[in-house]
Amino acid sequence: MILRLVSAGAAHALVNEAARAAGLEATGSFGAVGAMLEKLDAGEPADVVVLTRAQVDALAAQGRVVAGTVGDLGTVATSLAVLAGDDPPDVSGEGPLRAALLAADAIYFPDPARATAGIHFAKVLASLGIADEVRSKVRNFPNGATSMREMAAATGHPIGCTQATEILATPGIRLVAPLPRGLDLETTYTAAVDARAADSKAARDFVARLTASPGRKLCAHAVPIPAPCRYTSKLMRSSS
């Protein structure tokens, strides 16, 4: 059976894993949440929606997803990455992060208008007072997964920023740490059955599988506090 999704890219690995386990084929659109919401608004068909908690709550209030099926997958930190062969820089505070970004050959992050991590990281660059200084080094792509794949193929010593799940899912790069406290962002991703689902029961069963066992042990990937995924390990384990 084919299940249609409109989903945040950060949940792509978990969705694929759950679909394989259920004997389903997951198809549809995965990417920056702003772009995914635009697809829904434009009428793209879906059985299951995975977006941020705020977006799904808004859709539920509008009757566009089935309110009783809404459930969280987990909370993921916007995090930093370098190439797998590079030593991780010190990004423990505003000063060290500013220095690491200024020293990088290029800075990769997703769409600063539509992607959760991209919107936030553009604000971080402005907050650090280096947005103009690093503008020529910025490399933006439509979503975090594409940004990290492009970074993995780069030469030199780039640095990247997106959701931790997308970093861990990309060969050739390594997760350094979440953004330092005061500049950090944690995003809760939430699933629900679309009100237009072709097979409501199958969609409900799939959402139940996605959101099962909340509150499991924290991520096995040890990184500085705050952890890259504090609510449930499901998203992180599916990307490693």
Protein backbone atom coordinates (compact mmCIF):
# COMPACT_ATOMS: atom_id res chain seq x y z
CA MET A 1 0.00 0.00 0.00
CA ILE A 2 1.18 3.54 -0.77
CA LEU A 3 0.90 6.19 1.93
CA ARG A 4 1.15 9.82 0.85
CA LEU A 5 2.94 12.26 3.14
CA VAL A 6 3.68 15.93 3.30
CA SER A 7 6.46 16.03 5.86
CA ALA A 8 9.27 18.01 7.39
CA GLY A 9 12.60 16.79 6.05
CA ALA A 10 13.86 16.30 9.61
CA ALA A 11 11.44 13.37 9.98
CA HIS A 12 12.23 11.71 6.63
CA ALA A 13 14.41 8.92 8.04
CA LEU A 14 11.90 8.05 10.76
CA VAL A 15 9.02 8.01 8.28
CA ASN A 16 10.91 5.68 5.95
CA GLU A 17 11.83 3.35 8.81
CA ALA A 18 8.25 3.20 10.08
CA ALA A 19 6.90 2.60 6.57
CA ARG A 20 9.30 -0.29 5.97
CA ALA A 21 8.34 -1.84 9.29
CA ALA A 22 4.65 -1.56 8.40
CA GLY A 23 5.11 -2.93 4.89
CA LEU A 24 4.08 0.37 3.34
CA GLU A 25 5.56 2.60 0.66
CA ALA A 26 5.93 6.19 1.87
CA THR A 27 5.74 8.71 -0.95
CA GLY A 28 5.03 12.42 -1.23
CA SER A 29 6.96 15.55 -0.33
CA PHE A 30 9.69 16.05 2.28
CA GLY A 31 11.45 19.33 2.91
CA ALA A 32 11.45 22.69 4.65
CA VAL A 33 8.30 23.05 6.72
CA GLY A 34 7.36 26.39 5.17
CA ALA A 35 7.52 24.89 1.69
CA MET A 36 5.57 21.82 2.86
CA LEU A 37 2.80 23.99 4.29
CA GLU A 38 2.64 25.82 0.97
CA LYS A 39 2.16 22.48 -0.79
CA LEU A 40 -0.73 21.62 1.52
CA ASP A 41 -2.25 25.06 0.95
CA ALA A 42 -1.95 24.49 -2.80
CA GLY A 43 -3.94 21.27 -2.50
CA GLU A 44 -1.27 18.56 -2.59
CA PRO A 45 -2.98 15.33 -1.48
CA ALA A 46 -1.75 13.67 1.70
CA ASP A 47 -2.72 10.88 4.05
CA VAL A 48 -0.37 11.94 6.84
CA VAL A 49 1.11 15.33 7.67
CA VAL A 50 4.33 15.83 9.67
CA LEU A 51 5.18 19.44 10.49
CA THR A 52 6.04 21.51 13.55
CA ARG A 53 3.71 21.31 16.52
CA ALA A 54 2.52 24.88 15.97
CA GLN A 55 1.72 24.21 12.31
CA VAL A 56 -0.15 20.98 13.02
CA ASP A 57 -2.13 22.61 15.83
CA ALA A 58 -3.15 25.37 13.42
CA LEU A 59 -4.21 22.80 10.81
CA ALA A 60 -6.23 20.94 13.45
CA ALA A 61 -7.99 24.16 14.44
CA GLN A 62 -8.91 24.65 10.77
CA GLY A 63 -10.23 21.09 10.47
CA ARG A 64 -7.56 20.20 7.91
CA VAL A 65 -6.12 17.34 9.99
CA VAL A 66 -7.98 14.99 12.33
CA ALA A 67 -7.53 16.53 15.77
CA GLY A 68 -7.75 13.23 17.64
CA THR A 69 -4.75 11.83 15.75
CA VAL A 70 -2.25 14.60 16.57
CA GLY A 71 0.91 13.25 18.24
CA ASP A 72 4.50 14.36 18.74
CA LEU A 73 7.43 12.49 17.21
CA GLY A 74 10.12 14.29 19.18
CA THR A 75 11.99 17.52 19.78
CA VAL A 76 15.21 18.15 17.86
CA ALA A 77 17.85 20.82 18.30
CA THR A 78 19.13 23.03 15.53
CA SER A 79 22.78 21.97 15.46
CA LEU A 80 26.16 22.54 13.86
CA ALA A 81 28.18 20.24 11.61
CA VAL A 82 31.60 19.97 10.01
CA LEU A 83 33.10 17.55 7.51
CA ALA A 84 33.73 14.10 8.94
CA GLY A 85 37.50 14.52 8.72
CA ASP A 86 37.61 17.93 10.40
CA ASP A 87 38.18 18.52 14.09
CA PRO A 88 35.05 19.90 15.75
CA PRO A 89 35.45 23.59 16.55
CA ASP A 90 34.58 25.16 19.88
CA VAL A 91 31.01 26.45 19.56
CA SER A 92 30.23 26.56 23.28
CA GLY A 93 29.21 30.22 23.38
CA GLU A 94 28.66 33.32 21.29
CA GLY A 95 32.36 34.21 21.08
CA PRO A 96 33.63 30.75 20.08
CA LEU A 97 30.77 30.30 17.60
CA ARG A 98 31.47 33.68 16.00
CA ALA A 99 35.15 32.75 15.64
CA ALA A 100 34.31 29.33 14.16
CA LEU A 101 31.97 30.85 11.58
CA LEU A 102 34.47 33.53 10.59
CA ALA A 103 37.18 30.88 10.19
CA ALA A 104 35.05 28.56 8.04
CA ASP A 105 35.56 28.46 4.27
CA ALA A 106 31.80 28.27 3.68
CA ILE A 107 28.61 28.20 5.75
CA TYR A 108 25.84 25.81 4.70
CA PHE A 109 22.27 26.07 5.97
CA PRO A 110 18.75 25.67 4.57
CA ASP A 111 16.35 28.22 3.12
CA PRO A 112 16.30 31.26 5.45
CA ALA A 113 12.72 32.02 4.44
CA ARG A 114 10.98 28.60 4.65
CA ALA A 115 13.10 26.19 6.71
CA THR A 116 12.89 26.27 10.50
CA ALA A 117 16.64 25.90 10.95
CA GLY A 118 17.41 28.32 8.12
CA ILE A 119 15.14 31.06 9.45
CA HIS A 120 16.65 30.69 12.90
CA PHE A 121 20.28 30.51 11.80
CA ALA A 122 19.94 33.66 9.69
CA LYS A 123 18.85 35.39 12.90
CA VAL A 124 21.83 33.88 14.72
CA LEU A 125 24.24 35.36 12.17
CA ALA A 126 22.57 38.74 12.62
CA SER A 127 22.67 38.41 16.40
CA LEU A 128 26.39 37.62 16.27
CA GLY A 129 26.92 40.75 14.17
CA ILE A 130 28.58 38.89 11.29
CA ALA A 131 25.77 38.51 8.73
CA ASP A 132 27.33 40.99 6.29
CA GLU A 133 30.86 39.75 6.92
CA VAL A 134 30.07 36.13 6.05
CA ARG A 135 27.51 36.80 3.31
CA SER A 136 29.87 35.71 0.52
CA LYS A 137 30.49 32.39 2.31
CA VAL A 138 26.83 31.49 2.83
CA ARG A 139 25.50 28.54 0.82
CA ASN A 140 21.71 28.15 1.05
CA PHE A 141 19.67 25.22 -0.28
CA PRO A 142 15.94 24.44 -0.15
CA ASN A 143 16.11 22.18 2.91
CA GLY A 144 18.48 20.82 5.52
CA ALA A 145 19.03 17.45 3.87
CA THR A 146 20.14 19.06 0.60
CA SER A 147 22.30 21.57 2.45
CA MET A 148 24.14 18.80 4.27
CA ARG A 149 24.62 16.68 1.13
CA GLU A 150 26.09 19.68 -0.66
CA MET A 151 28.34 20.41 2.29
CA ALA A 152 29.54 16.80 2.39
CA ALA A 153 30.70 17.19 -1.22
CA ALA A 154 32.53 20.45 -0.52
CA THR A 155 36.25 20.99 -0.20
CA GLY A 156 38.06 23.04 2.41
CA HIS A 157 36.69 23.46 5.92
CA PRO A 158 33.01 24.42 5.81
CA ILE A 159 30.58 24.56 8.70
CA GLY A 160 26.87 23.80 8.50
CA CYS A 161 23.74 24.32 10.53
CA THR A 162 20.40 22.47 10.38
CA GLN A 163 18.35 20.03 12.44
CA ALA A 164 20.42 17.36 14.18
CA THR A 165 18.49 14.54 12.50
CA GLU A 166 19.47 15.78 9.04
CA ILE A 167 23.12 16.05 10.07
CA LEU A 168 23.20 12.51 11.44
CA ALA A 169 21.50 11.15 8.32
CA THR A 170 24.20 12.54 5.99
CA PRO A 171 27.39 10.54 5.32
CA GLY A 172 30.55 12.60 5.20
CA ILE A 173 29.69 15.11 7.91
CA ARG A 174 29.69 14.99 11.69
CA LEU A 175 27.50 16.59 14.31
CA VAL A 176 29.44 19.03 16.48
CA ALA A 177 26.82 20.28 18.97
CA PRO A 178 23.55 22.13 19.22
CA LEU A 179 23.73 25.90 18.95
CA PRO A 180 24.95 27.33 22.26
CA ARG A 181 22.53 28.36 24.95
CA GLY A 182 20.98 31.72 24.23
CA LEU A 183 21.16 31.10 20.48
CA ASP A 184 19.61 27.64 20.58
CA LEU A 185 16.38 26.37 19.10
CA GLU A 186 14.48 23.15 19.74
CA THR A 187 11.69 22.15 17.36
CA THR A 188 8.94 19.66 18.14
CA TYR A 189 7.77 17.68 15.11
CA THR A 190 4.20 16.41 15.13
CA ALA A 191 2.18 14.02 12.97
CA ALA A 192 -1.54 13.87 12.19
CA VAL A 193 -3.92 12.25 9.75
CA ASP A 194 -4.91 14.56 6.92
CA ALA A 195 -8.65 15.18 6.77
CA ARG A 196 -8.55 14.14 3.09
CA ALA A 197 -6.79 10.80 3.71
CA ALA A 198 -7.76 8.16 1.17
CA ASP A 199 -7.58 5.40 3.80
CA SER A 200 -8.18 6.96 7.20
CA LYS A 201 -7.61 3.73 9.15
CA ALA A 202 -4.24 3.03 7.51
CA ALA A 203 -3.21 6.64 8.10
CA ARG A 204 -4.27 6.46 11.75
CA ASP A 205 -2.32 3.24 12.25
CA PHE A 206 0.76 4.79 10.69
CA VAL A 207 0.59 7.93 12.86
CA ALA A 208 0.20 5.70 15.92
CA ARG A 209 3.34 3.81 14.88
CA LEU A 210 5.25 7.07 14.34
CA THR A 211 4.31 8.50 17.69
CA ALA A 212 4.51 5.35 19.81
CA SER A 213 6.54 5.18 23.02
CA PRO A 214 7.14 8.86 23.78
CA GLY A 215 9.54 9.59 26.60
CA ARG A 216 12.07 6.89 25.74
CA LYS A 217 15.70 7.27 26.85
CA LEU A 218 17.49 10.32 25.53
CA CYS A 219 19.72 10.11 22.50
CA ALA A 220 22.63 7.73 22.57
CA HIS A 221 24.70 10.33 20.70
CA ALA A 222 26.53 12.20 23.46
CA VAL A 223 26.85 15.90 22.75
CA PRO A 224 27.00 18.95 25.00
CA ILE A 225 23.81 20.07 26.74
CA PRO A 226 21.25 20.84 25.46
CA ALA A 227 20.99 17.41 23.89
CA PRO A 228 20.11 17.34 20.18
CA CYS A 229 16.89 15.47 20.96
CA ARG A 230 15.46 15.71 24.46
CA TYR A 231 11.84 14.56 24.13
CA THR A 232 12.20 11.15 22.54
CA SER A 233 14.99 9.20 20.93
CA LYS A 234 12.87 8.08 17.95
CA LEU A 235 13.89 10.83 15.54
CA MET A 236 17.57 10.65 16.38
CA ARG A 237 17.86 6.86 16.30
CA SER A 238 16.21 6.73 12.90
CA SER A 239 18.83 9.08 11.44
CA SER A 240 21.94 7.38 12.76
